[in-house]
Amino acid sequence: MTPNRPYLIRAVYEWICDNGLTTHLLVDAEYPGVHVPREFINNGQIVLNVAPAAVQQFVAGNDLISFSARFSGRPMQIEIPVNAVLAVFARENGEGMAFEPTPPSDPEPTPEPDGGRPALKVVK
């Protein structure tokens, strides 16, 4: 089965927005593939306001969350692998959902120099 984290993030995001509250993400800023403004990282984490009024082009896919936002007046494209999200919550009351940290997956194995063909050995 596919992981449920991206579905839960989208559901909680929509629930918070539907209730007129401000959606925030707590992100592991050290996770590979996270592109956020480094000057706002605190103890390896960053809290991002992802309410519709604060961001543009918000896309919460199954592997990546991306959007545009301004930080200190400077526009920036943000990219967050779904597994880097530690929590999605409402700023006003803290309601939301936290997730267990997920270690980065190992990179795909590289093919063998001969094109990745299997090697057979005759055993008698």
C-alpha atoms as a PDB file:
ATOM      1  CA  MET A   1       0.000   0.000   0.000  1.00  0.00           C
ATOM      2  CA  THR A   2       1.078   3.572  -0.517  1.00  0.00           C
ATOM      3  CA  PRO A   3       2.084   5.581   2.569  1.00  0.00           C
ATOM      4  CA  ASN A   4      -0.767   7.417   4.302  1.00  0.00           C
ATOM      5  CA  ARG A   5       1.267  10.482   5.374  1.00  0.00           C
ATOM      6  CA  PRO A   6       0.563  12.598   2.254  1.00  0.00           C
ATOM      7  CA  TYR A   7      -3.160  11.834   2.466  1.00  0.00           C
ATOM      8  CA  LEU A   8      -3.279  12.725   6.159  1.00  0.00           C
ATOM      9  CA  ILE A   9      -1.370  15.974   5.571  1.00  0.00           C
ATOM     10  CA  ARG A  10      -3.840  17.001   2.846  1.00  0.00           C
ATOM     11  CA  ALA A  11      -6.842  16.042   4.984  1.00  0.00           C
ATOM     12  CA  VAL A  12      -5.671  17.940   8.073  1.00  0.00           C
ATOM     13  CA  TYR A  13      -4.660  20.937   5.910  1.00  0.00           C
ATOM     14  CA  GLU A  14      -8.149  21.067   4.385  1.00  0.00           C
ATOM     15  CA  TRP A  15      -9.836  20.572   7.773  1.00  0.00           C
ATOM     16  CA  ILE A  16      -7.882  23.462   9.316  1.00  0.00           C
ATOM     17  CA  CYS A  17      -8.595  25.735   6.331  1.00  0.00           C
ATOM     18  CA  ASP A  18     -12.306  24.811   6.373  1.00  0.00           C
ATOM     19  CA  ASN A  19     -12.442  25.934  10.008  1.00  0.00           C
ATOM     20  CA  GLY A  20     -10.950  29.339   9.170  1.00  0.00           C
ATOM     21  CA  LEU A  21      -7.697  28.732  11.020  1.00  0.00           C
ATOM     22  CA  THR A  22      -4.051  29.173   9.951  1.00  0.00           C
ATOM     23  CA  THR A  23      -2.337  25.996   8.805  1.00  0.00           C
ATOM     24  CA  HIS A  24       1.309  25.509   9.766  1.00  0.00           C
ATOM     25  CA  LEU A  25       3.798  22.764   8.926  1.00  0.00           C
ATOM     26  CA  LEU A  26       6.611  21.696  11.227  1.00  0.00           C
ATOM     27  CA  VAL A  27       9.424  20.475   8.962  1.00  0.00           C
ATOM     28  CA  ASP A  28      12.698  18.645   9.541  1.00  0.00           C
ATOM     29  CA  ALA A  29      14.853  21.220   7.754  1.00  0.00           C
ATOM     30  CA  GLU A  30      17.848  18.858   7.619  1.00  0.00           C
ATOM     31  CA  TYR A  31      15.970  16.189   5.640  1.00  0.00           C
ATOM     32  CA  PRO A  32      17.418  15.674   2.133  1.00  0.00           C
ATOM     33  CA  GLY A  33      15.577  17.655  -0.528  1.00  0.00           C
ATOM     34  CA  VAL A  34      14.156  20.321   1.809  1.00  0.00           C
ATOM     35  CA  HIS A  35      14.453  23.794   0.257  1.00  0.00           C
ATOM     36  CA  VAL A  36      13.506  26.444   2.816  1.00  0.00           C
ATOM     37  CA  PRO A  37      15.047  29.749   3.920  1.00  0.00           C
ATOM     38  CA  ARG A  38      17.970  28.653   6.078  1.00  0.00           C
ATOM     39  CA  GLU A  39      17.900  31.786   8.262  1.00  0.00           C
ATOM     40  CA  PHE A  40      14.570  30.717   9.807  1.00  0.00           C
ATOM     41  CA  ILE A  41      15.699  27.238  10.873  1.00  0.00           C
ATOM     42  CA  ASN A  42      15.749  26.639  14.624  1.00  0.00           C
ATOM     43  CA  ASN A  43      17.253  23.444  16.081  1.00  0.00           C
ATOM     44  CA  GLY A  44      17.101  21.736  12.687  1.00  0.00           C
ATOM     45  CA  GLN A  45      13.404  22.492  12.233  1.00  0.00           C
ATOM     46  CA  ILE A  46      11.302  25.191  10.627  1.00  0.00           C
ATOM     47  CA  VAL A  47       7.647  26.154  11.080  1.00  0.00           C
ATOM     48  CA  LEU A  48       5.984  27.346   7.879  1.00  0.00           C
ATOM     49  CA  ASN A  49       2.672  29.158   7.506  1.00  0.00           C
ATOM     50  CA  VAL A  50       0.977  27.412   4.564  1.00  0.00           C
ATOM     51  CA  ALA A  51      -2.434  29.070   4.866  1.00  0.00           C
ATOM     52  CA  PRO A  52      -3.879  30.001   1.459  1.00  0.00           C
ATOM     53  CA  ALA A  53      -3.431  33.722   2.204  1.00  0.00           C
ATOM     54  CA  ALA A  54       0.290  33.223   2.941  1.00  0.00           C
ATOM     55  CA  VAL A  55       1.394  31.108  -0.023  1.00  0.00           C
ATOM     56  CA  GLN A  56       0.892  30.789  -3.759  1.00  0.00           C
ATOM     57  CA  GLN A  57       0.764  27.713  -5.968  1.00  0.00           C
ATOM     58  CA  PHE A  58       0.438  25.325  -3.001  1.00  0.00           C
ATOM     59  CA  VAL A  59       0.697  21.716  -4.196  1.00  0.00           C
ATOM     60  CA  ALA A  60       0.644  18.819  -1.746  1.00  0.00           C
ATOM     61  CA  GLY A  61       1.590  15.771  -3.771  1.00  0.00           C
ATOM     62  CA  ASN A  62       2.296  12.243  -2.618  1.00  0.00           C
ATOM     63  CA  ASP A  63       6.066  12.813  -2.538  1.00  0.00           C
ATOM     64  CA  LEU A  64       6.591  16.580  -2.383  1.00  0.00           C
ATOM     65  CA  ILE A  65       4.904  19.691  -1.024  1.00  0.00           C
ATOM     66  CA  SER A  66       5.759  22.856  -2.933  1.00  0.00           C
ATOM     67  CA  PHE A  67       4.671  26.474  -2.887  1.00  0.00           C
ATOM     68  CA  SER A  68       5.881  30.044  -3.323  1.00  0.00           C
ATOM     69  CA  ALA A  69       6.071  32.433  -0.382  1.00  0.00           C
ATOM     70  CA  ARG A  70       7.801  35.605   0.745  1.00  0.00           C
ATOM     71  CA  PHE A  71      10.324  35.632   3.563  1.00  0.00           C
ATOM     72  CA  SER A  72      11.388  39.074   4.773  1.00  0.00           C
ATOM     73  CA  GLY A  73       9.931  40.417   1.531  1.00  0.00           C
ATOM     74  CA  ARG A  74      12.002  38.066  -0.634  1.00  0.00           C
ATOM     75  CA  PRO A  75      10.089  35.580  -2.828  1.00  0.00           C
ATOM     76  CA  MET A  76      11.171  31.956  -2.566  1.00  0.00           C
ATOM     77  CA  GLN A  77      10.108  28.602  -3.989  1.00  0.00           C
ATOM     78  CA  ILE A  78       9.737  26.079  -1.156  1.00  0.00           C
ATOM     79  CA  GLU A  79      10.055  22.318  -1.595  1.00  0.00           C
ATOM     80  CA  ILE A  80       9.463  19.817   1.177  1.00  0.00           C
ATOM     81  CA  PRO A  81       9.555  16.045   0.776  1.00  0.00           C
ATOM     82  CA  VAL A  82       6.433  14.656   2.459  1.00  0.00           C
ATOM     83  CA  ASN A  83       8.570  12.539   4.809  1.00  0.00           C
ATOM     84  CA  ALA A  84      10.208  15.723   6.151  1.00  0.00           C
ATOM     85  CA  VAL A  85       6.860  16.933   7.558  1.00  0.00           C
ATOM     86  CA  LEU A  86       6.811  16.337  11.306  1.00  0.00           C
ATOM     87  CA  ALA A  87       3.408  17.944  11.978  1.00  0.00           C
ATOM     88  CA  VAL A  88       0.534  19.861  10.420  1.00  0.00           C
ATOM     89  CA  PHE A  89      -1.384  22.027  12.862  1.00  0.00           C
ATOM     90  CA  ALA A  90      -3.491  25.150  13.392  1.00  0.00           C
ATOM     91  CA  ARG A  91      -1.558  28.116  14.751  1.00  0.00           C
ATOM     92  CA  GLU A  92      -4.488  29.350  16.826  1.00  0.00           C
ATOM     93  CA  ASN A  93      -5.136  26.223  18.907  1.00  0.00           C
ATOM     94  CA  GLY A  94      -2.435  23.659  18.064  1.00  0.00           C
ATOM     95  CA  GLU A  95      -4.990  21.165  16.734  1.00  0.00           C
ATOM     96  CA  GLY A  96      -3.613  18.903  14.043  1.00  0.00           C
ATOM     97  CA  MET A  97      -1.471  15.818  13.601  1.00  0.00           C
ATOM     98  CA  ALA A  98       2.138  14.927  14.352  1.00  0.00           C
ATOM     99  CA  PHE A  99       4.153  12.285  12.513  1.00  0.00           C
ATOM    100  CA  GLU A 100       7.041  10.071  13.508  1.00  0.00           C
ATOM    101  CA  PRO A 101      10.322  11.152  11.917  1.00  0.00           C
ATOM    102  CA  THR A 102      11.053   9.095   8.816  1.00  0.00           C
ATOM    103  CA  PRO A 103      14.661   8.348   7.939  1.00  0.00           C
ATOM    104  CA  PRO A 104      15.614   9.190   4.355  1.00  0.00           C
ATOM    105  CA  SER A 105      15.388   6.226   2.035  1.00  0.00           C
ATOM    106  CA  ASP A 106      18.553   4.768   0.598  1.00  0.00           C
ATOM    107  CA  PRO A 107      19.346   5.885  -2.924  1.00  0.00           C
ATOM    108  CA  GLU A 108      18.518   3.513  -5.727  1.00  0.00           C
ATOM    109  CA  PRO A 109      21.267   0.938  -6.325  1.00  0.00           C
ATOM    110  CA  THR A 110      23.521   1.878  -9.191  1.00  0.00           C
ATOM    111  CA  PRO A 111      23.733  -0.543 -12.081  1.00  0.00           C
ATOM    112  CA  GLU A 112      26.846  -2.614 -12.590  1.00  0.00           C
ATOM    113  CA  PRO A 113      29.424  -1.176 -14.988  1.00  0.00           C
ATOM    114  CA  ASP A 114      28.611  -3.827 -17.590  1.00  0.00           C
ATOM    115  CA  GLY A 115      25.058  -2.535 -17.895  1.00  0.00           C
ATOM    116  CA  GLY A 116      23.620  -4.250 -14.833  1.00  0.00           C
ATOM    117  CA  ARG A 117      23.382  -7.700 -16.331  1.00  0.00           C
ATOM    118  CA  PRO A 118      23.292 -10.487 -13.772  1.00  0.00           C
ATOM    119  CA  ALA A 119      26.402 -12.591 -13.457  1.00  0.00           C
ATOM    120  CA  LEU A 120      25.937 -16.347 -13.411  1.00  0.00           C
ATOM    121  CA  LYS A 121      28.418 -18.752 -11.946  1.00  0.00           C
ATOM    122  CA  VAL A 122      28.401 -22.443 -12.722  1.00  0.00           C
ATOM    123  CA  VAL A 123      28.557 -24.507  -9.534  1.00  0.00           C
ATOM    124  CA  LYS A 124      29.221 -28.253  -9.783  1.00  0.00           C
END
